[in-house]
Amino acid sequence: MADRTKDLGTSVIDVEGTETQRLKNQTALWLLQAWRTDDVQEQTETWMVIKKALEEDQLSDRSLFH
């Protein structure tokens, strides 16, 4: 157990588990950043399709978006 843990004062941390979690966190951050920097043109086109569909299927004659 001594080779897998590091004593930090009164607490003991599992170094192997901490590194695994750090890698998972980094992977999640990369994915979130990729989603944020996704193709702006594709996002705009997708929004236009969604907006049109929402406006066509509403019960009122008023526009949802101005």
C-alpha atoms as a PDB file:
ATOM      1  CA  MET A   1       0.000   0.000   0.000  1.00  0.00           C
ATOM      2  CA  ALA A   2       2.907   2.348   0.652  1.00  0.00           C
ATOM      3  CA  ASP A   3       3.884   2.389  -3.041  1.00  0.00           C
ATOM      4  CA  ARG A   4       0.350   3.425  -4.192  1.00  0.00           C
ATOM      5  CA  THR A   5      -0.316   6.132  -1.618  1.00  0.00           C
ATOM      6  CA  LYS A   6       1.232   9.409  -0.542  1.00  0.00           C
ATOM      7  CA  ASP A   7       1.017  10.632   3.054  1.00  0.00           C
ATOM      8  CA  LEU A   8      -0.001  14.299   3.187  1.00  0.00           C
ATOM      9  CA  GLY A   9      -0.033  15.132   6.881  1.00  0.00           C
ATOM     10  CA  THR A  10      -3.026  13.428   8.458  1.00  0.00           C
ATOM     11  CA  SER A  11      -4.667  12.304   5.183  1.00  0.00           C
ATOM     12  CA  VAL A  12      -3.657   9.562   2.782  1.00  0.00           C
ATOM     13  CA  ILE A  13      -4.462   9.913  -0.928  1.00  0.00           C
ATOM     14  CA  ASP A  14      -4.557   7.055  -3.417  1.00  0.00           C
ATOM     15  CA  VAL A  15      -2.156   8.400  -6.055  1.00  0.00           C
ATOM     16  CA  GLU A  16      -3.235   5.888  -8.700  1.00  0.00           C
ATOM     17  CA  GLY A  17      -6.928   6.746  -8.253  1.00  0.00           C
ATOM     18  CA  THR A  18      -6.168  10.465  -8.298  1.00  0.00           C
ATOM     19  CA  GLU A  19      -4.289  10.149 -11.605  1.00  0.00           C
ATOM     20  CA  THR A  20      -7.131   8.126 -13.118  1.00  0.00           C
ATOM     21  CA  GLN A  21      -9.647  10.782 -12.087  1.00  0.00           C
ATOM     22  CA  ARG A  22      -7.392  13.555 -13.428  1.00  0.00           C
ATOM     23  CA  LEU A  23      -7.276  11.840 -16.834  1.00  0.00           C
ATOM     24  CA  LYS A  24     -11.077  11.434 -16.845  1.00  0.00           C
ATOM     25  CA  ASN A  25     -11.498  15.108 -15.945  1.00  0.00           C
ATOM     26  CA  GLN A  26      -9.098  16.199 -18.688  1.00  0.00           C
ATOM     27  CA  THR A  27     -10.934  14.083 -21.263  1.00  0.00           C
ATOM     28  CA  ALA A  28     -14.255  15.615 -20.221  1.00  0.00           C
ATOM     29  CA  LEU A  29     -12.790  19.118 -20.504  1.00  0.00           C
ATOM     30  CA  TRP A  30     -11.484  18.402 -24.014  1.00  0.00           C
ATOM     31  CA  LEU A  31     -14.926  17.168 -25.048  1.00  0.00           C
ATOM     32  CA  LEU A  32     -16.666  20.256 -23.635  1.00  0.00           C
ATOM     33  CA  GLN A  33     -14.171  22.546 -25.378  1.00  0.00           C
ATOM     34  CA  ALA A  34     -14.727  20.713 -28.669  1.00  0.00           C
ATOM     35  CA  TRP A  35     -18.488  21.213 -28.317  1.00  0.00           C
ATOM     36  CA  ARG A  36     -18.018  24.933 -27.643  1.00  0.00           C
ATOM     37  CA  THR A  37     -15.787  25.462 -30.675  1.00  0.00           C
ATOM     38  CA  ASP A  38     -17.928  23.362 -32.991  1.00  0.00           C
ATOM     39  CA  ASP A  39     -18.711  24.609 -36.499  1.00  0.00           C
ATOM     40  CA  VAL A  40     -20.580  27.914 -36.192  1.00  0.00           C
ATOM     41  CA  GLN A  41     -22.144  27.586 -39.649  1.00  0.00           C
ATOM     42  CA  GLU A  42     -23.519  24.142 -38.779  1.00  0.00           C
ATOM     43  CA  GLN A  43     -24.959  25.475 -35.525  1.00  0.00           C
ATOM     44  CA  THR A  44     -26.614  28.390 -37.359  1.00  0.00           C
ATOM     45  CA  GLU A  45     -28.150  26.080 -39.949  1.00  0.00           C
ATOM     46  CA  THR A  46     -29.388  23.713 -37.256  1.00  0.00           C
ATOM     47  CA  TRP A  47     -30.978  26.614 -35.342  1.00  0.00           C
ATOM     48  CA  MET A  48     -32.775  27.796 -38.490  1.00  0.00           C
ATOM     49  CA  VAL A  49     -34.281  24.314 -39.020  1.00  0.00           C
ATOM     50  CA  ILE A  50     -35.355  24.053 -35.373  1.00  0.00           C
ATOM     51  CA  LYS A  51     -36.798  27.581 -35.363  1.00  0.00           C
ATOM     52  CA  LYS A  52     -38.815  26.907 -38.529  1.00  0.00           C
ATOM     53  CA  ALA A  53     -40.189  23.646 -37.121  1.00  0.00           C
ATOM     54  CA  LEU A  54     -41.213  25.340 -33.855  1.00  0.00           C
ATOM     55  CA  GLU A  55     -42.968  28.168 -35.641  1.00  0.00           C
ATOM     56  CA  GLU A  56     -44.853  25.807 -37.993  1.00  0.00           C
ATOM     57  CA  ASP A  57     -46.231  23.625 -35.197  1.00  0.00           C
ATOM     58  CA  GLN A  58     -47.524  26.283 -32.832  1.00  0.00           C
ATOM     59  CA  LEU A  59     -51.184  26.865 -32.042  1.00  0.00           C
ATOM     60  CA  SER A  60     -51.008  30.669 -32.106  1.00  0.00           C
ATOM     61  CA  ASP A  61     -50.452  33.017 -35.044  1.00  0.00           C
ATOM     62  CA  ARG A  62     -47.939  34.990 -33.023  1.00  0.00           C
ATOM     63  CA  SER A  63     -44.268  34.481 -33.791  1.00  0.00           C
ATOM     64  CA  LEU A  64     -42.216  32.767 -31.086  1.00  0.00           C
ATOM     65  CA  PHE A  65     -39.078  34.610 -32.163  1.00  0.00           C
ATOM     66  CA  HIS A  66     -38.738  38.264 -33.112  1.00  0.00           C
END
